[in-house]
N, C-alpha and C. Protein backbone atom coordinates (compact mmCIF):
# COMPACT_ATOMS: atom_id res chain seq x y z
N UNK A 1 -23.93 12.70 -16.55
CA UNK A 1 -22.46 13.28 -16.77
C UNK A 1 -22.32 13.95 -18.14
N UNK A 2 -22.31 15.06 -18.01
CA UNK A 2 -22.39 15.91 -19.21
C UNK A 2 -21.38 17.01 -19.39
N UNK A 3 -20.44 16.94 -18.45
CA UNK A 3 -19.24 17.80 -18.38
C UNK A 3 -18.23 17.42 -19.90
N UNK A 4 -17.74 18.40 -20.44
CA UNK A 4 -16.72 17.99 -21.35
C UNK A 4 -15.27 17.59 -20.89
N UNK A 5 -15.31 18.06 -19.63
CA UNK A 5 -13.84 17.62 -19.06
C UNK A 5 -13.95 16.21 -18.52
N UNK A 6 -13.97 15.24 -19.28
CA UNK A 6 -14.08 13.94 -18.83
C UNK A 6 -12.55 13.36 -18.18
N UNK A 7 -12.71 12.24 -17.53
CA UNK A 7 -11.51 11.95 -16.73
C UNK A 7 -10.17 11.73 -17.78
N UNK A 8 -10.39 11.17 -18.93
CA UNK A 8 -9.48 10.89 -19.96
C UNK A 8 -8.72 12.19 -20.44
N UNK A 9 -9.56 13.22 -20.64
CA UNK A 9 -8.99 14.53 -21.04
C UNK A 9 -8.25 15.12 -19.96
N UNK A 10 -8.68 15.17 -18.94
CA UNK A 10 -8.13 15.91 -17.60
C UNK A 10 -6.78 15.08 -17.48
N UNK A 11 -6.74 13.83 -17.48
CA UNK A 11 -5.44 13.06 -17.32
C UNK A 11 -4.30 13.38 -18.26
N UNK A 12 -4.77 13.58 -19.60
CA UNK A 12 -4.03 14.01 -20.72
C UNK A 12 -3.32 15.31 -20.53
N UNK A 13 -4.29 16.16 -20.07
CA UNK A 13 -3.78 17.59 -19.79
C UNK A 13 -2.74 17.88 -18.54
N UNK A 14 -2.96 16.82 -17.51
CA UNK A 14 -2.11 16.53 -16.46
C UNK A 14 -0.70 16.05 -17.00
N UNK A 15 -0.57 15.30 -17.95
CA UNK A 15 0.56 14.76 -18.38
C UNK A 15 1.29 15.76 -19.36
N UNK A 16 0.39 16.48 -19.91
CA UNK A 16 1.24 17.59 -20.73
C UNK A 16 1.27 18.90 -20.16
N UNK A 17 0.82 19.14 -18.79
CA UNK A 17 0.92 20.24 -18.24
C UNK A 17 2.17 20.47 -17.35
N UNK A 18 2.04 21.49 -16.38
CA UNK A 18 3.27 21.67 -15.30
C UNK A 18 3.14 20.53 -14.61
N UNK A 19 4.57 20.11 -14.01
CA UNK A 19 5.02 18.94 -13.33
C UNK A 19 4.21 18.90 -12.08
N UNK A 20 3.84 19.96 -11.32
CA UNK A 20 3.15 20.15 -10.13
C UNK A 20 1.81 19.82 -10.13
N UNK A 21 1.42 19.70 -11.34
CA UNK A 21 -0.12 19.39 -11.55
C UNK A 21 -0.47 17.85 -11.23
N UNK A 22 0.40 17.15 -11.90
CA UNK A 22 0.27 15.78 -11.74
C UNK A 22 0.54 15.22 -10.27
N UNK A 23 1.67 15.89 -9.77
CA UNK A 23 1.94 15.59 -8.60
C UNK A 23 1.16 15.87 -7.58
N UNK A 24 0.42 16.98 -7.48
CA UNK A 24 -0.77 17.29 -6.72
C UNK A 24 -1.83 16.38 -6.72
N UNK A 25 -2.24 15.99 -8.21
CA UNK A 25 -3.33 15.00 -8.18
C UNK A 25 -3.16 13.63 -7.71
N UNK A 26 -1.82 13.06 -8.13
CA UNK A 26 -1.45 11.66 -7.89
C UNK A 26 -0.43 11.49 -6.77
N UNK A 27 0.26 12.20 -6.29
CA UNK A 27 1.18 12.20 -5.40
C UNK A 27 2.45 11.63 -6.08
N UNK A 28 2.82 11.79 -7.36
CA UNK A 28 3.89 11.27 -7.99
C UNK A 28 4.01 11.77 -9.21
N UNK A 29 5.50 11.90 -9.75
CA UNK A 29 5.77 12.68 -11.02
C UNK A 29 5.22 11.84 -12.28
N UNK A 30 5.37 12.79 -13.28
CA UNK A 30 4.90 12.08 -14.48
C UNK A 30 5.64 11.02 -15.05
N UNK A 31 6.97 10.94 -14.84
CA UNK A 31 7.74 9.72 -14.96
C UNK A 31 7.31 8.47 -14.35
N UNK A 32 7.13 8.63 -13.00
CA UNK A 32 6.86 7.57 -12.32
C UNK A 32 5.42 7.08 -12.62
N UNK A 33 4.65 7.85 -12.95
CA UNK A 33 3.25 7.68 -13.21
C UNK A 33 3.19 6.56 -14.72
N UNK A 34 3.98 7.11 -15.55
CA UNK A 34 4.09 6.45 -16.76
C UNK A 34 4.72 5.02 -16.67
N UNK A 35 5.68 4.94 -15.75
CA UNK A 35 6.52 3.77 -15.71
C UNK A 35 5.66 2.81 -14.75
N UNK A 36 4.88 3.31 -13.74
CA UNK A 36 3.87 2.51 -13.08
C UNK A 36 2.75 2.03 -14.08
N UNK A 37 2.34 2.77 -14.78
CA UNK A 37 1.22 2.29 -15.74
C UNK A 37 1.68 1.21 -16.70
N UNK A 38 2.93 1.26 -17.04
CA UNK A 38 3.51 0.29 -17.87
C UNK A 38 3.73 -0.99 -17.26
N UNK A 39 4.18 -0.83 -16.06
CA UNK A 39 4.53 -2.13 -15.29
C UNK A 39 3.24 -2.73 -14.76
N UNK A 40 2.15 -2.15 -14.62
CA UNK A 40 0.91 -2.65 -14.27
C UNK A 40 0.21 -3.40 -15.35
N UNK A 41 0.33 -2.60 -16.50
CA UNK A 41 -0.19 -3.26 -17.89
C UNK A 41 0.33 -4.43 -18.30
N UNK A 42 1.69 -4.44 -18.21
CA UNK A 42 2.38 -5.79 -18.69
C UNK A 42 2.51 -6.82 -17.70
N UNK A 43 2.72 -6.53 -16.41
CA UNK A 43 2.96 -7.55 -15.43
C UNK A 43 1.81 -7.93 -14.49
N UNK A 44 0.86 -7.04 -14.34
CA UNK A 44 -0.18 -7.28 -13.33
C UNK A 44 -1.65 -6.85 -13.76
N UNK A 45 -1.82 -6.99 -14.92
CA UNK A 45 -3.32 -7.32 -15.61
C UNK A 45 -4.12 -6.13 -15.39
N UNK A 46 -3.56 -4.93 -15.35
CA UNK A 46 -4.29 -3.72 -15.54
C UNK A 46 -4.94 -3.47 -16.85
N UNK A 47 -6.26 -3.40 -16.89
CA UNK A 47 -6.69 -3.27 -18.48
C UNK A 47 -8.02 -2.12 -18.18
N UNK A 48 -8.33 -1.55 -19.52
CA UNK A 48 -9.40 -0.74 -19.69
C UNK A 48 -10.36 -1.61 -20.23
N UNK A 49 -11.41 -0.65 -20.73
CA UNK A 49 -12.50 -1.22 -21.52
C UNK A 49 -12.76 -0.57 -22.75
N UNK A 50 -13.93 -0.76 -23.52
CA UNK A 50 -14.51 0.01 -24.35
C UNK A 50 -14.65 1.42 -24.04
N UNK A 51 -15.05 1.68 -22.87
CA UNK A 51 -15.30 3.20 -22.48
C UNK A 51 -14.08 3.82 -21.72
N UNK A 52 -13.16 3.15 -21.41
CA UNK A 52 -11.98 3.86 -20.81
C UNK A 52 -10.59 3.04 -21.07
N UNK A 53 -9.84 3.68 -20.60
CA UNK A 53 -8.27 2.92 -21.00
C UNK A 53 -7.54 2.74 -19.54
N UNK A 54 -6.62 1.80 -19.74
CA UNK A 54 -5.84 1.61 -18.55
C UNK A 54 -5.31 2.80 -17.71
N UNK A 55 -4.84 3.88 -18.68
CA UNK A 55 -4.33 5.11 -17.99
C UNK A 55 -5.38 5.71 -17.17
N UNK A 56 -6.60 5.73 -17.61
CA UNK A 56 -7.59 6.28 -16.78
C UNK A 56 -8.05 5.45 -15.43
N UNK A 57 -7.98 4.06 -15.77
CA UNK A 57 -8.13 3.53 -14.55
C UNK A 57 -7.11 3.55 -13.46
N UNK A 58 -5.76 3.60 -13.81
CA UNK A 58 -4.75 4.06 -12.81
C UNK A 58 -4.95 5.41 -12.22
N UNK A 59 -5.43 6.48 -13.18
CA UNK A 59 -5.63 7.60 -12.71
C UNK A 59 -6.70 7.91 -11.81
N UNK A 60 -7.81 7.33 -11.89
CA UNK A 60 -8.89 7.32 -10.72
C UNK A 60 -8.53 6.71 -9.69
N UNK A 61 -7.79 5.50 -9.72
CA UNK A 61 -7.43 4.79 -8.61
C UNK A 61 -6.41 5.76 -7.75
N UNK A 62 -5.49 6.33 -8.30
CA UNK A 62 -4.47 7.12 -7.67
C UNK A 62 -5.18 8.40 -7.05
N UNK A 63 -6.13 8.86 -7.77
CA UNK A 63 -6.81 10.13 -7.40
C UNK A 63 -7.47 9.87 -6.05
N UNK A 64 -8.34 8.66 -6.04
CA UNK A 64 -9.09 8.35 -4.68
C UNK A 64 -7.87 8.15 -3.71
N UNK A 65 -7.06 7.42 -3.85
CA UNK A 65 -6.04 6.99 -2.68
C UNK A 65 -5.27 8.38 -2.27
N UNK A 66 -4.89 9.26 -3.21
CA UNK A 66 -3.92 10.34 -3.01
C UNK A 66 -4.77 11.52 -2.44
N UNK A 67 -5.96 11.60 -2.84
CA UNK A 67 -6.76 12.75 -2.32
C UNK A 67 -7.55 12.27 -0.87
N UNK A 68 -7.58 11.09 -0.66
CA UNK A 68 -8.51 10.54 0.48
C UNK A 68 -9.90 10.73 -0.03
N UNK A 69 -10.16 10.89 -1.41
CA UNK A 69 -11.40 11.13 -1.90
C UNK A 69 -12.75 9.88 -1.85
N UNK A 70 -13.69 10.11 -2.14
CA UNK A 70 -14.91 9.19 -2.20
C UNK A 70 -14.92 8.67 -3.66
N UNK A 71 -16.03 7.62 -3.84
CA UNK A 71 -16.28 7.41 -5.10
C UNK A 71 -17.17 8.47 -5.74
N UNK A 72 -18.00 9.16 -4.70
CA UNK A 72 -18.82 10.18 -5.46
C UNK A 72 -17.87 11.47 -6.04
N UNK A 73 -16.90 11.76 -5.19
CA UNK A 73 -16.08 12.80 -5.82
C UNK A 73 -15.34 12.52 -6.97
N UNK A 74 -14.93 11.10 -7.06
CA UNK A 74 -14.25 10.70 -8.47
C UNK A 74 -15.41 10.75 -9.62
N UNK A 75 -16.67 10.20 -9.23
CA UNK A 75 -17.66 10.39 -10.33
C UNK A 75 -17.67 11.42 -10.82
N UNK A 76 -17.71 12.49 -10.18
CA UNK A 76 -17.71 14.02 -10.76
C UNK A 76 -16.62 14.34 -11.53
N UNK A 77 -15.38 13.97 -10.89
CA UNK A 77 -14.04 14.09 -11.61
C UNK A 77 -13.91 13.66 -12.89
N UNK A 78 -14.02 12.25 -12.78
CA UNK A 78 -14.09 11.41 -14.20
C UNK A 78 -15.16 11.33 -15.08
N UNK A 79 -16.36 11.71 -14.56
CA UNK A 79 -17.63 11.72 -15.32
C UNK A 79 -18.03 10.21 -15.76
N UNK A 80 -17.84 9.48 -14.69
CA UNK A 80 -18.60 8.04 -14.84
C UNK A 80 -19.52 7.99 -13.87
N UNK A 81 -20.27 6.75 -14.06
CA UNK A 81 -21.35 6.36 -13.10
C UNK A 81 -20.49 5.87 -11.82
N UNK A 82 -21.38 5.80 -10.82
CA UNK A 82 -20.96 5.29 -9.54
C UNK A 82 -20.54 3.72 -9.63
N UNK A 83 -21.20 3.04 -10.29
CA UNK A 83 -20.95 1.65 -10.67
C UNK A 83 -19.58 1.62 -11.37
N UNK A 84 -19.49 2.41 -12.41
CA UNK A 84 -18.22 2.33 -13.21
C UNK A 84 -16.97 2.83 -12.37
N UNK A 85 -17.08 3.77 -11.66
CA UNK A 85 -15.91 4.22 -10.76
C UNK A 85 -15.58 3.14 -9.71
N UNK A 86 -16.54 2.66 -9.10
CA UNK A 86 -16.23 1.65 -8.12
C UNK A 86 -15.71 0.25 -8.64
N UNK A 87 -16.20 -0.09 -9.93
CA UNK A 87 -15.59 -1.27 -10.57
C UNK A 87 -14.14 -1.04 -10.82
N UNK A 88 -13.85 0.12 -11.57
CA UNK A 88 -12.39 0.29 -11.91
C UNK A 88 -11.46 0.72 -10.87
N UNK A 89 -12.02 1.28 -9.78
CA UNK A 89 -11.19 1.33 -8.72
C UNK A 89 -10.86 0.15 -7.87
N UNK A 90 -11.72 -0.87 -7.99
CA UNK A 90 -11.46 -2.23 -7.45
C UNK A 90 -10.35 -2.65 -8.39
N UNK A 91 -10.42 -2.69 -9.67
CA UNK A 91 -9.56 -3.25 -10.69
C UNK A 91 -8.08 -2.60 -10.46
N UNK A 92 -8.12 -1.23 -10.24
CA UNK A 92 -6.89 -0.47 -10.11
C UNK A 92 -6.13 -1.14 -8.77
N UNK A 93 -6.87 -1.17 -7.62
CA UNK A 93 -6.41 -1.87 -6.42
C UNK A 93 -5.92 -3.04 -6.40
N UNK A 94 -6.50 -3.89 -7.25
CA UNK A 94 -6.11 -5.35 -7.35
C UNK A 94 -4.52 -5.39 -8.07
N UNK A 95 -4.62 -4.53 -9.09
CA UNK A 95 -3.19 -4.53 -9.78
C UNK A 95 -2.02 -3.97 -8.84
N UNK A 96 -2.46 -2.98 -8.07
CA UNK A 96 -1.48 -2.46 -7.04
C UNK A 96 -0.92 -3.52 -6.27
N UNK A 97 -2.04 -4.10 -5.64
CA UNK A 97 -1.80 -5.13 -4.68
C UNK A 97 -0.83 -6.25 -5.13
N UNK A 98 -1.18 -6.61 -6.55
CA UNK A 98 -0.17 -7.71 -7.14
C UNK A 98 1.29 -7.12 -7.31
N UNK A 99 1.16 -5.95 -7.50
CA UNK A 99 2.64 -5.17 -7.44
C UNK A 99 3.29 -5.10 -6.12
N UNK A 100 2.38 -4.82 -5.03
CA UNK A 100 2.95 -4.71 -3.72
C UNK A 100 3.68 -6.16 -3.34
N UNK A 101 3.19 -7.04 -3.75
CA UNK A 101 3.86 -8.38 -3.26
C UNK A 101 5.16 -8.52 -4.03
N UNK A 102 5.42 -7.99 -5.18
CA UNK A 102 6.69 -8.13 -5.74
C UNK A 102 7.60 -6.99 -5.19
N UNK A 103 7.25 -5.85 -4.79
CA UNK A 103 8.12 -4.81 -4.13
C UNK A 103 8.38 -4.78 -2.80
N UNK A 104 7.20 -5.03 -1.94
CA UNK A 104 7.43 -5.09 -0.42
C UNK A 104 8.03 -6.37 -0.14
N UNK A 105 9.25 -6.46 -0.06
CA UNK A 105 10.10 -7.57 0.27
C UNK A 105 11.39 -7.50 0.58
N UNK A 106 11.99 -8.24 1.42
CA UNK A 106 13.59 -7.95 1.87
C UNK A 106 14.35 -8.15 0.61
N UNK A 107 15.45 -7.21 0.44
CA UNK A 107 16.40 -7.24 -0.42
C UNK A 107 17.12 -8.57 -0.39
N UNK A 108 17.36 -9.07 0.73
CA UNK A 108 18.04 -10.22 0.90
C UNK A 108 17.22 -11.17 1.58
N UNK A 109 16.44 -12.08 0.96
CA UNK A 109 15.31 -12.96 1.62
C UNK A 109 15.95 -13.93 2.59
N UNK A 110 17.18 -14.24 2.56
CA UNK A 110 17.76 -15.38 3.20
C UNK A 110 18.41 -14.78 4.43
N UNK A 111 18.52 -13.44 4.33
CA UNK A 111 19.24 -12.55 5.46
C UNK A 111 20.70 -12.97 5.77
N UNK A 112 21.14 -13.18 4.76
CA UNK A 112 22.66 -13.72 4.87
C UNK A 112 23.70 -12.59 5.40
N UNK A 113 23.60 -11.33 5.41
CA UNK A 113 24.38 -10.62 5.73
C UNK A 113 23.93 -9.71 6.84
N UNK A 114 24.95 -9.32 7.89
CA UNK A 114 24.45 -8.55 9.13
C UNK A 114 24.33 -7.21 8.45
N UNK A 115 23.40 -6.39 8.84
CA UNK A 115 23.17 -4.98 8.14
C UNK A 115 24.52 -4.28 8.63
N UNK A 116 24.78 -3.24 7.82
CA UNK A 116 26.12 -2.51 8.01
C UNK A 116 26.02 -1.59 9.16
N UNK A 117 24.43 -1.17 9.37
CA UNK A 117 24.17 -0.18 10.49
C UNK A 117 24.55 -1.03 11.87
N UNK A 118 24.46 -2.16 11.94
CA UNK A 118 24.74 -2.96 13.04
C UNK A 118 26.20 -3.53 13.27
N UNK A 119 26.70 -4.00 11.99
CA UNK A 119 27.97 -4.44 11.80
C UNK A 119 28.96 -3.54 12.30
N UNK A 120 28.90 -2.28 12.00
CA UNK A 120 29.83 -1.32 12.39
C UNK A 120 29.69 -0.51 13.57
N UNK A 121 28.73 -0.93 14.51
CA UNK A 121 28.37 -0.30 15.59
C UNK A 121 28.73 -1.06 16.73
N UNK A 122 29.68 -0.96 17.57
CA UNK A 122 30.13 -1.92 18.64
C UNK A 122 28.94 -1.88 19.76
N UNK A 123 28.24 -1.02 19.87
CA UNK A 123 27.26 -0.77 20.82
C UNK A 123 26.14 -1.97 20.60
N UNK A 124 25.74 -2.16 19.19
CA UNK A 124 24.60 -2.78 18.92
C UNK A 124 25.02 -4.34 18.49
N UNK A 125 26.24 -4.51 17.96
CA UNK A 125 26.71 -5.68 17.19
C UNK A 125 26.62 -6.82 18.25
N UNK A 126 26.85 -6.80 19.42
CA UNK A 126 26.77 -8.12 20.17
C UNK A 126 25.27 -8.47 20.75
N UNK A 127 24.59 -7.59 20.44
CA UNK A 127 22.98 -7.87 20.80
C UNK A 127 22.10 -7.87 19.61
N UNK A 128 22.26 -7.37 18.51
CA UNK A 128 21.49 -7.34 17.42
C UNK A 128 22.21 -7.66 16.15
N UNK A 129 23.13 -8.69 16.22
CA UNK A 129 23.82 -9.14 14.74
C UNK A 129 22.90 -9.90 14.17
N UNK A 130 21.60 -10.53 14.84
CA UNK A 130 20.88 -11.28 13.95
C UNK A 130 19.58 -10.60 13.88
N UNK A 131 19.70 -9.20 14.12
CA UNK A 131 18.15 -8.59 13.86
C UNK A 131 17.98 -8.36 12.35
N UNK A 132 16.82 -8.58 11.95
CA UNK A 132 16.57 -8.48 10.46
C UNK A 132 15.74 -7.42 10.18
N UNK A 133 15.12 -6.61 11.27
CA UNK A 133 14.11 -5.43 10.81
C UNK A 133 13.56 -4.99 12.08
N UNK A 134 12.55 -3.97 12.02
CA UNK A 134 11.59 -3.59 13.05
C UNK A 134 10.42 -3.66 12.50
N UNK A 135 9.48 -4.12 13.57
CA UNK A 135 8.09 -4.35 13.37
C UNK A 135 7.29 -3.38 14.12
N UNK A 136 6.28 -2.81 13.79
CA UNK A 136 5.50 -2.00 14.53
C UNK A 136 4.05 -1.83 13.77
N UNK A 137 3.08 -1.35 14.41
CA UNK A 137 1.68 -1.27 14.06
C UNK A 137 1.14 0.22 14.10
N UNK A 138 0.17 0.48 13.37
CA UNK A 138 -0.35 1.78 13.12
C UNK A 138 -1.78 1.85 12.81
N UNK A 139 -2.50 2.76 13.29
CA UNK A 139 -3.93 2.73 12.95
C UNK A 139 -4.04 3.75 11.92
N UNK A 140 -4.94 3.36 10.90
CA UNK A 140 -5.13 3.98 9.58
C UNK A 140 -6.67 4.27 9.53
N UNK A 141 -7.20 5.55 9.33
CA UNK A 141 -8.64 5.72 9.46
C UNK A 141 -9.27 4.89 8.15
N UNK A 142 -10.43 4.13 8.53
CA UNK A 142 -11.01 3.55 7.50
C UNK A 142 -12.48 3.86 7.49
N UNK A 143 -13.17 3.80 6.29
CA UNK A 143 -14.80 4.04 6.23
C UNK A 143 -15.33 2.53 6.15
N UNK A 144 -16.01 2.33 6.99
CA UNK A 144 -16.61 1.14 7.14
C UNK A 144 -18.03 0.87 7.33
N UNK A 145 -18.71 -0.02 6.52
CA UNK A 145 -20.22 -0.05 6.64
C UNK A 145 -20.79 0.00 8.15
N UNK A 146 -21.85 0.54 8.14
CA UNK A 146 -22.38 0.97 9.62
C UNK A 146 -22.50 -0.29 10.19
N UNK A 147 -22.92 -1.55 9.74
CA UNK A 147 -23.20 -2.87 10.51
C UNK A 147 -21.93 -3.47 11.01
N UNK A 148 -20.63 -2.99 10.34
CA UNK A 148 -19.34 -3.57 10.89
C UNK A 148 -18.44 -2.71 11.74
N UNK A 149 -19.11 -1.37 11.77
CA UNK A 149 -18.32 -0.32 12.61
C UNK A 149 -17.72 -0.74 14.00
N UNK A 150 -18.57 -1.38 14.72
CA UNK A 150 -18.14 -1.46 16.21
C UNK A 150 -16.79 -2.19 16.35
N UNK A 151 -16.61 -3.26 15.44
CA UNK A 151 -15.26 -3.89 15.51
C UNK A 151 -14.04 -3.21 15.00
N UNK A 152 -14.44 -2.05 14.40
CA UNK A 152 -13.25 -1.10 13.86
C UNK A 152 -12.95 0.03 14.58
N UNK A 153 -13.73 0.24 15.74
CA UNK A 153 -13.70 1.47 16.48
C UNK A 153 -12.41 1.29 17.64
N UNK A 154 -11.43 2.18 17.40
CA UNK A 154 -10.26 2.06 17.92
C UNK A 154 -10.09 2.79 19.16
N UNK A 155 -8.82 3.08 19.68
CA UNK A 155 -8.77 3.81 20.91
C UNK A 155 -9.24 5.24 20.89
N UNK A 156 -9.43 5.85 19.85
CA UNK A 156 -9.79 7.40 19.77
C UNK A 156 -11.19 7.47 19.25
N UNK A 157 -11.97 6.44 19.36
CA UNK A 157 -13.51 6.45 19.15
C UNK A 157 -13.75 6.55 17.60
N UNK A 158 -12.68 6.29 16.78
CA UNK A 158 -13.05 6.22 15.36
C UNK A 158 -12.73 4.99 14.78
N UNK A 159 -13.30 4.80 13.60
CA UNK A 159 -13.24 3.52 12.88
C UNK A 159 -11.83 3.44 12.27
N UNK A 160 -11.08 2.40 12.47
CA UNK A 160 -9.63 2.49 11.99
C UNK A 160 -9.07 0.94 11.63
N UNK A 161 -8.35 0.90 10.68
CA UNK A 161 -7.65 -0.47 10.47
C UNK A 161 -6.45 -0.48 11.12
N UNK A 162 -5.99 -1.63 11.73
CA UNK A 162 -4.90 -1.86 12.40
C UNK A 162 -3.95 -2.62 11.32
N UNK A 163 -2.69 -1.72 11.11
CA UNK A 163 -1.89 -2.22 10.22
C UNK A 163 -0.51 -2.46 10.66
N UNK A 164 0.06 -3.65 10.40
CA UNK A 164 1.35 -4.18 10.69
C UNK A 164 2.34 -3.98 9.67
N UNK A 165 3.62 -3.29 10.01
CA UNK A 165 4.41 -3.21 8.93
C UNK A 165 5.71 -3.61 9.44
N UNK A 166 6.72 -4.16 8.67
CA UNK A 166 8.01 -4.43 8.72
C UNK A 166 8.97 -3.56 7.84
N UNK A 167 10.07 -2.96 8.36
CA UNK A 167 10.96 -2.30 7.51
C UNK A 167 12.37 -2.87 7.97
N UNK A 168 13.32 -2.53 7.06
CA UNK A 168 14.73 -3.06 7.18
C UNK A 168 15.62 -1.76 7.65
N UNK A 169 16.88 -2.00 7.97
CA UNK A 169 17.79 -0.85 8.20
C UNK A 169 18.04 0.20 7.14
N UNK A 170 17.55 0.07 5.90
CA UNK A 170 17.38 1.31 4.98
C UNK A 170 16.11 1.92 4.97
N UNK A 171 15.22 1.58 5.95
CA UNK A 171 13.89 2.15 6.28
C UNK A 171 13.14 1.90 5.04
N UNK A 172 13.33 0.68 4.36
CA UNK A 172 12.27 0.11 3.13
C UNK A 172 11.44 -0.75 3.87
N UNK A 173 10.09 -0.87 3.44
CA UNK A 173 9.29 -1.69 3.92
C UNK A 173 9.58 -3.12 3.31
N UNK A 174 9.50 -4.13 3.95
CA UNK A 174 9.77 -5.53 3.77
C UNK A 174 8.44 -6.32 4.01
N UNK A 175 7.43 -5.85 4.52
CA UNK A 175 6.15 -6.63 4.79
C UNK A 175 5.20 -5.61 5.34
N UNK A 176 3.90 -5.72 5.06
CA UNK A 176 2.90 -5.05 5.41
C UNK A 176 1.60 -5.84 5.23
N UNK A 177 0.91 -5.62 6.49
CA UNK A 177 -0.55 -6.55 6.64
C UNK A 177 -1.39 -5.55 6.94
N UNK A 178 -2.56 -5.33 6.12
CA UNK A 178 -3.55 -4.30 6.47
C UNK A 178 -4.81 -4.93 6.47
N UNK A 179 -5.78 -4.30 6.90
CA UNK A 179 -7.25 -4.68 6.82
C UNK A 179 -7.74 -5.20 8.18
N UNK A 180 -7.01 -5.31 9.21
CA UNK A 180 -7.33 -5.87 10.61
C UNK A 180 -8.14 -4.75 11.24
N UNK A 181 -9.18 -5.06 11.89
CA UNK A 181 -10.08 -4.29 12.41
C UNK A 181 -9.34 -3.38 13.65
N UNK A 182 -9.85 -2.40 13.98
CA UNK A 182 -9.05 -1.50 14.97
C UNK A 182 -9.14 -1.95 16.24
N UNK A 183 -10.01 -2.87 16.74
CA UNK A 183 -9.93 -3.37 18.10
C UNK A 183 -8.87 -4.78 18.16
N UNK A 184 -8.54 -5.10 17.07
CA UNK A 184 -7.44 -6.12 16.96
C UNK A 184 -6.07 -5.91 17.79
N UNK A 185 -5.65 -6.83 18.50
CA UNK A 185 -4.42 -6.61 19.27
C UNK A 185 -3.22 -6.90 18.27
N UNK A 186 -2.06 -6.34 18.48
CA UNK A 186 -0.90 -6.37 17.70
C UNK A 186 -0.50 -7.87 17.60
N UNK A 187 -0.40 -8.39 19.01
CA UNK A 187 0.04 -9.84 18.84
C UNK A 187 -0.86 -10.74 18.03
N UNK A 188 -2.09 -10.49 18.02
CA UNK A 188 -3.12 -11.22 17.17
C UNK A 188 -2.67 -11.18 15.75
N UNK A 189 -2.31 -10.01 15.28
CA UNK A 189 -1.99 -9.79 13.82
C UNK A 189 -0.68 -10.59 13.55
N UNK A 190 0.36 -10.27 14.39
CA UNK A 190 1.64 -10.81 14.33
C UNK A 190 1.60 -12.37 14.21
N UNK A 191 0.73 -13.10 15.02
CA UNK A 191 0.50 -14.37 15.21
C UNK A 191 -0.16 -14.89 13.74
N UNK A 192 -0.85 -14.03 13.04
CA UNK A 192 -1.56 -14.52 11.80
C UNK A 192 -0.44 -14.34 10.87
N UNK A 193 0.35 -13.41 10.68
CA UNK A 193 1.44 -13.25 9.62
C UNK A 193 2.46 -14.26 9.92
N UNK A 194 2.82 -14.66 11.04
CA UNK A 194 3.85 -15.98 11.18
C UNK A 194 3.09 -17.22 10.66
N UNK A 195 1.85 -17.69 10.84
CA UNK A 195 1.18 -18.81 10.76
C UNK A 195 0.61 -18.93 9.26
N UNK A 196 0.33 -17.99 8.64
CA UNK A 196 -0.45 -18.04 7.32
C UNK A 196 0.85 -18.00 6.28
N UNK A 197 1.21 -19.06 5.52
CA UNK A 197 2.25 -18.76 4.62
C UNK A 197 1.95 -18.33 3.43
N UNK A 198 0.45 -18.09 3.23
CA UNK A 198 0.13 -17.34 1.97
C UNK A 198 0.50 -15.86 1.97
N UNK A 199 0.68 -15.17 3.35
CA UNK A 199 1.01 -13.94 3.40
C UNK A 199 2.49 -13.63 3.15
N UNK A 200 3.38 -14.60 2.96
CA UNK A 200 4.70 -14.37 2.64
C UNK A 200 5.38 -13.58 3.71
N UNK A 201 5.10 -13.85 4.89
CA UNK A 201 6.08 -13.13 5.90
C UNK A 201 7.52 -13.45 5.93
N UNK A 202 8.51 -12.61 5.78
CA UNK A 202 9.77 -12.83 5.54
C UNK A 202 10.49 -13.60 6.90
N UNK A 203 10.37 -14.70 6.80
CA UNK A 203 10.95 -15.49 8.03
C UNK A 203 12.44 -15.36 7.99
N UNK A 204 13.19 -15.36 9.11
CA UNK A 204 14.52 -15.62 9.18
C UNK A 204 15.01 -16.96 8.82
N UNK A 205 16.37 -17.16 8.58
CA UNK A 205 16.73 -18.75 7.85
C UNK A 205 16.36 -19.40 9.13
N UNK A 206 15.83 -20.84 8.23
CA UNK A 206 15.77 -21.98 9.14
C UNK A 206 16.62 -22.21 10.36
N UNK A 207 16.22 -22.48 11.38
CA UNK A 207 17.06 -22.94 12.60
C UNK A 207 17.59 -21.58 13.33
N UNK A 208 17.24 -20.39 12.97
CA UNK A 208 17.33 -19.09 13.78
C UNK A 208 16.13 -18.95 14.72
N UNK A 209 16.57 -18.52 15.87
CA UNK A 209 15.65 -18.22 16.90
C UNK A 209 15.03 -16.94 16.81
N UNK A 210 13.61 -16.88 16.84
CA UNK A 210 12.93 -15.53 16.67
C UNK A 210 12.75 -14.84 18.01
N UNK A 211 13.25 -13.69 18.17
CA UNK A 211 13.20 -12.99 19.28
C UNK A 211 12.64 -11.51 19.07
N UNK A 212 11.55 -11.30 19.89
CA UNK A 212 11.07 -10.05 19.51
C UNK A 212 11.18 -9.07 20.57
N UNK A 213 11.63 -7.81 20.48
CA UNK A 213 12.17 -6.96 21.25
C UNK A 213 11.12 -5.67 21.37
N UNK A 214 10.72 -5.31 22.49
CA UNK A 214 9.72 -4.11 22.45
C UNK A 214 10.75 -2.82 22.74
N UNK A 215 10.79 -1.78 21.88
CA UNK A 215 11.60 -0.63 22.13
C UNK A 215 10.71 0.48 22.70
N UNK A 216 11.14 1.03 23.57
CA UNK A 216 10.15 2.08 24.32
C UNK A 216 10.95 3.48 24.37
C-alpha cells in the first residue's frame, strides 16, 4: 500500500470538496455524514485505532455499502490491508446495527391512535381502523461462501437474502429482519419475528387480535 492518496486524506478532500462528491461516494450529504459520525461515536461505540480514525471507519463502511463494493476494492481505495478493512467494516456495521434498533421502530409503540390515512377515509375506516402497518418481503442479492450457497439460491437462481420489512402509513420503516436464506418462506420469517422477543417486533397492544391480509 504505497499510494499517497490514503483513505483519511480522501475523506478529508470529500468533506472539503463539492457536495456532489461526498454524495456520490457515500449516498448522503456532508451534514448527514458528520451528524451520523457524531451519533455513532457518542452513542454506539464507533471507534478508530492508532492507525485510523472513527471518521475513516465510517467512511470505508459507507463506501462498501453505497457502492456495492468488495473488501478488495476498499483495500485499494483506503490503502489498508485486507484484514484491516474487513475488521473495521465489521466494526462499522456493528455500530450501524446498534443505531438501527434505535431508529427503525414505530413512532407510537402502543399504537394508540388510528392513522390519519385510515381515519379520514370512509372506504377504509370500517375495515382497517386497527391496522398498524404493512409487511412485505424482498430478496436482496447476497455474496455467500461456496459451501453455504445452496440454501441462499432463490427463485431466479441467484444467491439472495430474504428480508422482511414493516412500514407505517408515513412510509417509514418500523421493523426489518435481514439475513434469512433465499429459500426461506415468508411465513417462517414472520413466525420467527413474532416468537423471538429479542428481535423487538412491534406487537399491537395486548388483547388486540392480529390479522394478516394479503394485498394482491
